[in-house]
PDB file of all heavy atoms in Angstrom:
ATOM      1  N   GLN A   1      83.452 116.407 239.707  1.00  0.00           N
ATOM      2  CA  GLN A   1      82.410 115.962 240.629  1.00  0.00           C
ATOM      3  C   GLN A   1      83.007 115.517 241.953  1.00  0.00           C
ATOM      4  O   GLN A   1      82.337 115.520 242.981  1.00  0.00           O
ATOM      5  CB  GLN A   1      81.627 114.809 239.999  1.00  0.00           C
ATOM      6  CG  GLN A   1      80.780 115.218 238.792  1.00  0.00           C
ATOM      7  CD  GLN A   1      80.082 114.039 238.159  1.00  0.00           C
ATOM      8  OE1 GLN A   1      79.951 112.965 238.759  1.00  0.00           O
ATOM      9  NE2 GLN A   1      79.615 114.216 236.926  1.00  0.00           N
ATOM     10  N   ARG A   2      84.291 115.145 241.933  1.00  0.00           N
ATOM     11  CA  ARG A   2      84.969 114.659 243.140  1.00  0.00           C
ATOM     12  C   ARG A   2      86.047 115.619 243.644  1.00  0.00           C
ATOM     13  O   ARG A   2      86.284 115.716 244.840  1.00  0.00           O
ATOM     14  CB  ARG A   2      85.602 113.288 242.857  1.00  0.00           C
ATOM     15  CG  ARG A   2      84.586 112.241 242.439  1.00  0.00           C
ATOM     16  CD  ARG A   2      85.246 110.904 242.180  1.00  0.00           C
ATOM     17  NE  ARG A   2      85.966 110.418 243.361  1.00  0.00           N
ATOM     18  CZ  ARG A   2      86.685 109.288 243.359  1.00  0.00           C
ATOM     19  NH1 ARG A   2      86.788 108.571 242.265  1.00  0.00           N
ATOM     20  NH2 ARG A   2      87.286 108.912 244.464  1.00  0.00           N
ATOM     21  N   ILE A   3      86.729 116.301 242.694  1.00  0.00           N
ATOM     22  CA  ILE A   3      87.851 117.160 243.077  1.00  0.00           C
ATOM     23  C   ILE A   3      87.686 118.524 242.426  1.00  0.00           C
ATOM     24  O   ILE A   3      87.736 118.624 241.193  1.00  0.00           O
ATOM     25  CB  ILE A   3      89.198 116.554 242.621  1.00  0.00           C
ATOM     26  CG1 ILE A   3      89.371 115.132 243.153  1.00  0.00           C
ATOM     27  CG2 ILE A   3      90.369 117.446 243.056  1.00  0.00           C
ATOM     28  CD1 ILE A   3      90.550 114.395 242.550  1.00  0.00           C
ATOM     29  N   PRO A   4      87.472 119.582 243.156  1.00  0.00           N
ATOM     30  CA  PRO A   4      87.418 120.918 242.558  1.00  0.00           C
ATOM     31  C   PRO A   4      88.759 121.251 241.891  1.00  0.00           C
ATOM     32  O   PRO A   4      89.815 121.188 242.535  1.00  0.00           O
ATOM     33  CB  PRO A   4      87.156 121.839 243.748  1.00  0.00           C
ATOM     34  CG  PRO A   4      86.573 120.945 244.804  1.00  0.00           C
ATOM     35  CD  PRO A   4      87.230 119.608 244.611  1.00  0.00           C
ATOM     36  N   CYS A   5      88.733 121.568 240.612  1.00  0.00           N
ATOM     37  CA  CYS A   5      89.950 121.892 239.886  1.00  0.00           C
ATOM     38  C   CYS A   5      89.586 122.644 238.598  1.00  0.00           C
ATOM     39  O   CYS A   5      88.411 122.894 238.328  1.00  0.00           O
ATOM     40  CB  CYS A   5      90.772 120.644 239.573  1.00  0.00           C
ATOM     41  SG  CYS A   5      89.883 119.363 238.672  1.00  0.00           S
ATOM     42  N   GLN A   6      90.618 123.011 237.825  1.00  0.00           N
ATOM     43  CA  GLN A   6      90.416 123.790 236.609  1.00  0.00           C
ATOM     44  C   GLN A   6      91.206 123.168 235.459  1.00  0.00           C
ATOM     45  O   GLN A   6      92.251 122.546 235.676  1.00  0.00           O
ATOM     46  CB  GLN A   6      90.862 125.236 236.837  1.00  0.00           C
ATOM     47  CG  GLN A   6      90.017 125.962 237.879  1.00  0.00           C
ATOM     48  CD  GLN A   6      90.633 127.268 238.338  1.00  0.00           C
ATOM     49  OE1 GLN A   6      91.823 127.335 238.638  1.00  0.00           O
ATOM     50  NE2 GLN A   6      89.818 128.325 238.414  1.00  0.00           N
ATOM     51  N   LEU A   7      90.685 123.363 234.244  1.00  0.00           N
ATOM     52  CA  LEU A   7      91.309 122.813 233.042  1.00  0.00           C
ATOM     53  C   LEU A   7      91.585 123.934 232.050  1.00  0.00           C
ATOM     54  O   LEU A   7      90.688 124.704 231.711  1.00  0.00           O
ATOM     55  CB  LEU A   7      90.386 121.766 232.394  1.00  0.00           C
ATOM     56  CG  LEU A   7      90.790 121.238 231.005  1.00  0.00           C
ATOM     57  CD1 LEU A   7      92.112 120.472 231.071  1.00  0.00           C
ATOM     58  CD2 LEU A   7      89.684 120.352 230.430  1.00  0.00           C
ATOM     59  N   ILE A   8      92.850 124.024 231.593  1.00  0.00           N
ATOM     60  CA  ILE A   8      93.235 124.982 230.552  1.00  0.00           C
ATOM     61  C   ILE A   8      93.660 124.192 229.318  1.00  0.00           C
ATOM     62  O   ILE A   8      94.541 123.326 229.408  1.00  0.00           O
ATOM     63  CB  ILE A   8      94.402 125.885 231.007  1.00  0.00           C
ATOM     64  CG1 ILE A   8      94.065 126.605 232.313  1.00  0.00           C
ATOM     65  CG2 ILE A   8      94.756 126.890 229.911  1.00  0.00           C
ATOM     66  CD1 ILE A   8      95.264 127.336 232.929  1.00  0.00           C
ATOM     67  N   ILE A   9      93.048 124.481 228.179  1.00  0.00           N
ATOM     68  CA  ILE A   9      93.443 123.841 226.918  1.00  0.00           C
ATOM     69  C   ILE A   9      94.003 124.921 226.005  1.00  0.00           C
ATOM     70  O   ILE A   9      93.264 125.672 225.375  1.00  0.00           O
ATOM     71  CB  ILE A   9      92.261 123.111 226.253  1.00  0.00           C
ATOM     72  CG1 ILE A   9      91.658 122.079 227.215  1.00  0.00           C
ATOM     73  CG2 ILE A   9      92.727 122.430 224.966  1.00  0.00           C
ATOM     74  CD1 ILE A   9      90.490 121.287 226.633  1.00  0.00           C
ATOM     75  N   PHE A  10      95.333 125.013 225.951  1.00  0.00           N
ATOM     76  CA  PHE A  10      95.984 125.972 225.065  1.00  0.00           C
ATOM     77  C   PHE A  10      95.892 125.484 223.614  1.00  0.00           C
ATOM     78  O   PHE A  10      95.761 124.295 223.346  1.00  0.00           O
ATOM     79  CB  PHE A  10      97.459 126.139 225.439  1.00  0.00           C
ATOM     80  CG  PHE A  10      97.683 126.916 226.710  1.00  0.00           C
ATOM     81  CD1 PHE A  10      98.018 126.255 227.891  1.00  0.00           C
ATOM     82  CD2 PHE A  10      97.579 128.301 226.724  1.00  0.00           C
ATOM     83  CE1 PHE A  10      98.234 126.968 229.065  1.00  0.00           C
ATOM     84  CE2 PHE A  10      97.787 129.018 227.891  1.00  0.00           C
ATOM     85  CZ  PHE A  10      98.116 128.356 229.059  1.00  0.00           C
ATOM     86  N   GLY A  11      95.996 126.427 222.680  1.00  0.00           N
ATOM     87  CA  GLY A  11      95.963 126.092 221.267  1.00  0.00           C
ATOM     88  C   GLY A  11      94.729 126.634 220.584  1.00  0.00           C
ATOM     89  O   GLY A  11      93.904 127.317 221.200  1.00  0.00           O
ATOM     90  N   GLU A  12      94.606 126.306 219.310  1.00  0.00           N
ATOM     91  CA  GLU A  12      93.484 126.773 218.519  1.00  0.00           C
ATOM     92  C   GLU A  12      93.307 125.845 217.323  1.00  0.00           C
ATOM     93  O   GLU A  12      94.168 125.015 217.032  1.00  0.00           O
ATOM     94  CB  GLU A  12      93.735 128.210 218.038  1.00  0.00           C
ATOM     95  CG  GLU A  12      95.029 128.364 217.252  1.00  0.00           C
ATOM     96  CD  GLU A  12      95.393 129.816 216.993  1.00  0.00           C
ATOM     97  OE1 GLU A  12      94.881 130.693 217.691  1.00  0.00           O
ATOM     98  OE2 GLU A  12      96.209 130.047 216.084  1.00  0.00           O
ATOM     99  N   GLY A  13      92.172 125.964 216.652  1.00  0.00           N
ATOM    100  CA  GLY A  13      91.931 125.121 215.489  1.00  0.00           C
ATOM    101  C   GLY A  13      90.456 125.043 215.158  1.00  0.00           C
ATOM    102  O   GLY A  13      89.613 125.695 215.787  1.00  0.00           O
ATOM    103  N   PRO A  14      90.103 124.209 214.171  1.00  0.00           N
ATOM    104  CA  PRO A  14      88.715 124.150 213.700  1.00  0.00           C
ATOM    105  C   PRO A  14      87.722 123.630 214.728  1.00  0.00           C
ATOM    106  O   PRO A  14      86.521 123.870 214.601  1.00  0.00           O
ATOM    107  CB  PRO A  14      88.795 123.209 212.486  1.00  0.00           C
ATOM    108  CG  PRO A  14      90.063 122.436 212.669  1.00  0.00           C
ATOM    109  CD  PRO A  14      91.002 123.352 213.364  1.00  0.00           C
ATOM    110  N   GLU A  15      88.198 122.932 215.756  1.00  0.00           N
ATOM    111  CA  GLU A  15      87.285 122.367 216.756  1.00  0.00           C
ATOM    112  C   GLU A  15      87.105 123.255 217.986  1.00  0.00           C
ATOM    113  O   GLU A  15      86.368 122.888 218.903  1.00  0.00           O
ATOM    114  CB  GLU A  15      87.793 120.988 217.199  1.00  0.00           C
ATOM    115  CG  GLU A  15      87.853 119.950 216.094  1.00  0.00           C
ATOM    116  CD  GLU A  15      86.486 119.654 215.504  1.00  0.00           C
ATOM    117  OE1 GLU A  15      85.516 119.519 216.280  1.00  0.00           O
ATOM    118  OE2 GLU A  15      86.377 119.583 214.267  1.00  0.00           O
ATOM    119  N   THR A  16      87.769 124.417 218.026  1.00  0.00           N
ATOM    120  CA  THR A  16      87.695 125.264 219.223  1.00  0.00           C
ATOM    121  C   THR A  16      86.257 125.582 219.599  1.00  0.00           C
ATOM    122  O   THR A  16      85.856 125.454 220.767  1.00  0.00           O
ATOM    123  CB  THR A  16      88.481 126.567 219.008  1.00  0.00           C
ATOM    124  OG1 THR A  16      89.842 126.259 218.702  1.00  0.00           O
ATOM    125  CG2 THR A  16      88.442 127.421 220.278  1.00  0.00           C
ATOM    126  N   GLY A  17      85.453 125.981 218.624  1.00  0.00           N
ATOM    127  CA  GLY A  17      84.055 126.332 218.896  1.00  0.00           C
ATOM    128  C   GLY A  17      83.263 125.179 219.474  1.00  0.00           C
ATOM    129  O   GLY A  17      82.485 125.356 220.431  1.00  0.00           O
ATOM    130  N   SER A  18      83.464 123.980 218.940  1.00  0.00           N
ATOM    131  CA  SER A  18      82.718 122.821 219.442  1.00  0.00           C
ATOM    132  C   SER A  18      83.170 122.453 220.850  1.00  0.00           C
ATOM    133  O   SER A  18      82.358 122.000 221.673  1.00  0.00           O
ATOM    134  CB  SER A  18      82.886 121.622 218.502  1.00  0.00           C
ATOM    135  OG  SER A  18      84.223 121.164 218.474  1.00  0.00           O
ATOM    136  N   TYR A  19      84.452 122.670 221.171  1.00  0.00           N
ATOM    137  CA  TYR A  19      84.941 122.387 222.520  1.00  0.00           C
ATOM    138  C   TYR A  19      84.317 123.364 223.523  1.00  0.00           C
ATOM    139  O   TYR A  19      83.932 122.971 224.635  1.00  0.00           O
ATOM    140  CB  TYR A  19      86.470 122.495 222.593  1.00  0.00           C
ATOM    141  CG  TYR A  19      87.216 121.471 221.784  1.00  0.00           C
ATOM    142  CD1 TYR A  19      88.512 121.719 221.329  1.00  0.00           C
ATOM    143  CD2 TYR A  19      86.646 120.246 221.455  1.00  0.00           C
ATOM    144  CE1 TYR A  19      89.214 120.788 220.593  1.00  0.00           C
ATOM    145  CE2 TYR A  19      87.342 119.302 220.712  1.00  0.00           C
ATOM    146  CZ  TYR A  19      88.623 119.590 220.285  1.00  0.00           C
ATOM    147  OH  TYR A  19      89.330 118.667 219.542  1.00  0.00           O
ATOM    148  N   ILE A  20      84.217 124.624 223.130  1.00  0.00           N
ATOM    149  CA  ILE A  20      83.598 125.628 224.012  1.00  0.00           C
ATOM    150  C   ILE A  20      82.133 125.268 224.263  1.00  0.00           C
ATOM    151  O   ILE A  20      81.643 125.337 225.404  1.00  0.00           O
ATOM    152  CB  ILE A  20      83.732 127.030 223.392  1.00  0.00           C
ATOM    153  CG1 ILE A  20      85.201 127.468 223.377  1.00  0.00           C
ATOM    154  CG2 ILE A  20      82.882 128.050 224.160  1.00  0.00           C
ATOM    155  CD1 ILE A  20      85.459 128.745 222.601  1.00  0.00           C
ATOM    156  N   GLN A  21      81.428 124.875 223.210  1.00  0.00           N
ATOM    157  CA  GLN A  21      80.026 124.486 223.349  1.00  0.00           C
ATOM    158  C   GLN A  21      79.875 123.247 224.223  1.00  0.00           C
ATOM    159  O   GLN A  21      78.932 123.149 225.024  1.00  0.00           O
ATOM    160  CB  GLN A  21      79.404 124.252 221.974  1.00  0.00           C
ATOM    161  CG  GLN A  21      79.191 125.519 221.157  1.00  0.00           C
ATOM    162  CD  GLN A  21      78.301 126.524 221.887  1.00  0.00           C
ATOM    163  OE1 GLN A  21      77.265 126.166 222.464  1.00  0.00           O
ATOM    164  NE2 GLN A  21      78.715 127.786 221.874  1.00  0.00           N
ATOM    165  N   LEU A  22      80.801 122.303 224.076  1.00  0.00           N
ATOM    166  CA  LEU A  22      80.750 121.089 224.896  1.00  0.00           C
ATOM    167  C   LEU A  22      80.922 121.426 226.372  1.00  0.00           C
ATOM    168  O   LEU A  22      80.187 120.921 227.228  1.00  0.00           O
ATOM    169  CB  LEU A  22      81.845 120.115 224.446  1.00  0.00           C
ATOM    170  CG  LEU A  22      81.983 118.813 225.252  1.00  0.00           C
ATOM    171  CD1 LEU A  22      80.679 118.007 225.235  1.00  0.00           C
ATOM    172  CD2 LEU A  22      83.142 117.973 224.715  1.00  0.00           C
ATOM    173  N   ALA A  23      81.886 122.303 226.667  1.00  0.00           N
ATOM    174  CA  ALA A  23      82.092 122.711 228.064  1.00  0.00           C
ATOM    175  C   ALA A  23      80.849 123.404 228.615  1.00  0.00           C
ATOM    176  O   ALA A  23      80.454 123.177 229.769  1.00  0.00           O
ATOM    177  CB  ALA A  23      83.309 123.629 228.155  1.00  0.00           C
ATOM    178  N   LYS A  24      80.193 124.247 227.796  1.00  0.00           N
ATOM    179  CA  LYS A  24      78.968 124.921 228.230  1.00  0.00           C
ATOM    180  C   LYS A  24      77.851 123.916 228.480  1.00  0.00           C
ATOM    181  O   LYS A  24      77.097 124.036 229.466  1.00  0.00           O
ATOM    182  CB  LYS A  24      78.534 125.939 227.169  1.00  0.00           C
ATOM    183  CG  LYS A  24      79.369 127.202 227.133  1.00  0.00           C
ATOM    184  CD  LYS A  24      78.825 128.189 226.098  1.00  0.00           C
ATOM    185  CE  LYS A  24      79.623 129.479 226.097  1.00  0.00           C
ATOM    186  NZ  LYS A  24      79.117 130.424 225.067  1.00  0.00           N
ATOM    187  N   SER A  25      77.712 122.926 227.589  1.00  0.00           N
ATOM    188  CA  SER A  25      76.645 121.937 227.741  1.00  0.00           C
ATOM    189  C   SER A  25      76.820 121.109 229.001  1.00  0.00           C
ATOM    190  O   SER A  25      75.847 120.573 229.546  1.00  0.00           O
ATOM    191  CB  SER A  25      76.604 121.014 226.515  1.00  0.00           C
ATOM    192  OG  SER A  25      77.732 120.153 226.475  1.00  0.00           O
ATOM    193  N   LEU A  26      78.066 121.008 229.482  1.00  0.00           N
ATOM    194  CA  LEU A  26      78.351 120.260 230.710  1.00  0.00           C
ATOM    195  C   LEU A  26      78.423 121.200 231.924  1.00  0.00           C
ATOM    196  O   LEU A  26      78.841 120.767 233.005  1.00  0.00           O
ATOM    197  CB  LEU A  26      79.670 119.490 230.551  1.00  0.00           C
ATOM    198  CG  LEU A  26      79.652 118.399 229.472  1.00  0.00           C
ATOM    199  CD1 LEU A  26      81.060 117.855 229.229  1.00  0.00           C
ATOM    200  CD2 LEU A  26      78.714 117.255 229.875  1.00  0.00           C
ATOM    201  N   HIS A  27      78.039 122.467 231.709  1.00  0.00           N
ATOM    202  CA  HIS A  27      77.990 123.483 232.779  1.00  0.00           C
ATOM    203  C   HIS A  27      79.358 123.679 233.444  1.00  0.00           C
ATOM    204  O   HIS A  27      79.471 123.751 234.663  1.00  0.00           O
ATOM    205  CB  HIS A  27      76.935 123.090 233.828  1.00  0.00           C
ATOM    206  CG  HIS A  27      75.593 122.776 233.232  1.00  0.00           C
ATOM    207  ND1 HIS A  27      74.793 123.729 232.643  1.00  0.00           N
ATOM    208  CD2 HIS A  27      74.931 121.588 233.091  1.00  0.00           C
ATOM    209  CE1 HIS A  27      73.680 123.159 232.186  1.00  0.00           C
ATOM    210  NE2 HIS A  27      73.740 121.861 232.441  1.00  0.00           N
ATOM    211  N   MET A  28      80.397 123.761 232.593  1.00  0.00           N
ATOM    212  CA  MET A  28      81.751 123.894 233.124  1.00  0.00           C
ATOM    213  C   MET A  28      82.439 125.166 232.625  1.00  0.00           C
ATOM    214  O   MET A  28      83.673 125.240 232.623  1.00  0.00           O
ATOM    215  CB  MET A  28      82.590 122.672 232.728  1.00  0.00           C
ATOM    216  CG  MET A  28      82.099 121.358 233.285  1.00  0.00           C
ATOM    217  SD  MET A  28      83.324 120.037 233.120  1.00  0.00           S
ATOM    218  CE  MET A  28      83.587 120.018 231.339  1.00  0.00           C
ATOM    219  N   GLU A  29      81.677 126.180 232.213  1.00  0.00           N
ATOM    220  CA  GLU A  29      82.292 127.394 231.679  1.00  0.00           C
ATOM    221  C   GLU A  29      83.295 128.012 232.650  1.00  0.00           C
ATOM    222  O   GLU A  29      84.315 128.564 232.222  1.00  0.00           O
ATOM    223  CB  GLU A  29      81.223 128.450 231.341  1.00  0.00           C
ATOM    224  CG  GLU A  29      80.205 128.007 230.310  1.00  0.00           C
ATOM    225  CD  GLU A  29      78.917 127.522 230.949  1.00  0.00           C
ATOM    226  OE1 GLU A  29      79.005 126.745 231.936  1.00  0.00           O
ATOM    227  OE2 GLU A  29      77.849 127.949 230.483  1.00  0.00           O
ATOM    228  N   SER A  30      83.003 127.919 233.938  1.00  0.00           N
ATOM    229  CA  SER A  30      83.875 128.562 234.921  1.00  0.00           C
ATOM    230  C   SER A  30      85.077 127.693 235.295  1.00  0.00           C
ATOM    231  O   SER A  30      85.960 128.153 236.025  1.00  0.00           O
ATOM    232  CB  SER A  30      83.087 128.900 236.192  1.00  0.00           C
ATOM    233  OG  SER A  30      82.551 127.728 236.779  1.00  0.00           O
ATOM    234  N   ASN A  31      85.110 126.473 234.800  1.00  0.00           N
ATOM    235  CA  ASN A  31      86.203 125.566 235.151  1.00  0.00           C
ATOM    236  C   ASN A  31      87.102 125.191 233.977  1.00  0.00           C
ATOM    237  O   ASN A  31      88.152 124.576 234.167  1.00  0.00           O
ATOM    238  CB  ASN A  31      85.655 124.269 235.757  1.00  0.00           C
ATOM    239  CG  ASN A  31      85.001 124.479 237.093  1.00  0.00           C
ATOM    240  OD1 ASN A  31      83.832 124.830 237.161  1.00  0.00           O
ATOM    241  ND2 ASN A  31      85.760 124.289 238.171  1.00  0.00           N
ATOM    242  N   VAL A  32      86.696 125.530 232.740  1.00  0.00           N
ATOM    243  CA  VAL A  32      87.495 125.195 231.547  1.00  0.00           C
ATOM    244  C   VAL A  32      87.817 126.479 230.804  1.00  0.00           C
ATOM    245  O   VAL A  32      86.933 127.298 230.547  1.00  0.00           O
ATOM    246  CB  VAL A  32      86.754 124.222 230.614  1.00  0.00           C
ATOM    247  CG1 VAL A  32      87.647 123.843 229.434  1.00  0.00           C
ATOM    248  CG2 VAL A  32      86.327 122.971 231.369  1.00  0.00           C
ATOM    249  N   SER A  33      89.092 126.677 230.454  1.00  0.00           N
ATOM    250  CA  SER A  33      89.533 127.891 229.780  1.00  0.00           C
ATOM    251  C   SER A  33      90.186 127.545 228.443  1.00  0.00           C
ATOM    252  O   SER A  33      90.944 126.567 228.339  1.00  0.00           O
ATOM    253  CB  SER A  33      90.538 128.643 230.658  1.00  0.00           C
ATOM    254  OG  SER A  33      91.116 129.731 229.967  1.00  0.00           O
ATOM    255  N   PHE A  34      89.895 128.354 227.416  1.00  0.00           N
ATOM    256  CA  PHE A  34      90.486 128.200 226.085  1.00  0.00           C
ATOM    257  C   PHE A  34      91.195 129.512 225.727  1.00  0.00           C
ATOM    258  O   PHE A  34      90.644 130.344 225.017  1.00  0.00           O
ATOM    259  CB  PHE A  34      89.406 127.882 225.052  1.00  0.00           C
ATOM    260  CG  PHE A  34      88.640 126.618 225.339  1.00  0.00           C
ATOM    261  CD1 PHE A  34      87.453 126.657 226.062  1.00  0.00           C
ATOM    262  CD2 PHE A  34      89.101 125.392 224.888  1.00  0.00           C
ATOM    263  CE1 PHE A  34      86.741 125.501 226.336  1.00  0.00           C
ATOM    264  CE2 PHE A  34      88.396 124.230 225.152  1.00  0.00           C
ATOM    265  CZ  PHE A  34      87.216 124.274 225.879  1.00  0.00           C
ATOM    266  N   PRO A  35      92.410 129.730 226.226  1.00  0.00           N
ATOM    267  CA  PRO A  35      93.079 131.020 226.049  1.00  0.00           C
ATOM    268  C   PRO A  35      93.740 131.216 224.694  1.00  0.00           C
ATOM    269  O   PRO A  35      94.314 132.272 224.437  1.00  0.00           O
ATOM    270  CB  PRO A  35      94.134 131.011 227.156  1.00  0.00           C
ATOM    271  CG  PRO A  35      94.449 129.558 227.347  1.00  0.00           C
ATOM    272  CD  PRO A  35      93.169 128.816 227.088  1.00  0.00           C
TER     273      PRO A  35
END
């Protein structure tokens, strides 16, 4: 909200799906990456 930037969370696990959904619910799909 204050500084345009991007977040990359490397790794995988049982919570990956919930993290992706959380980022979508906060309208941050274009700013958060789960590679």
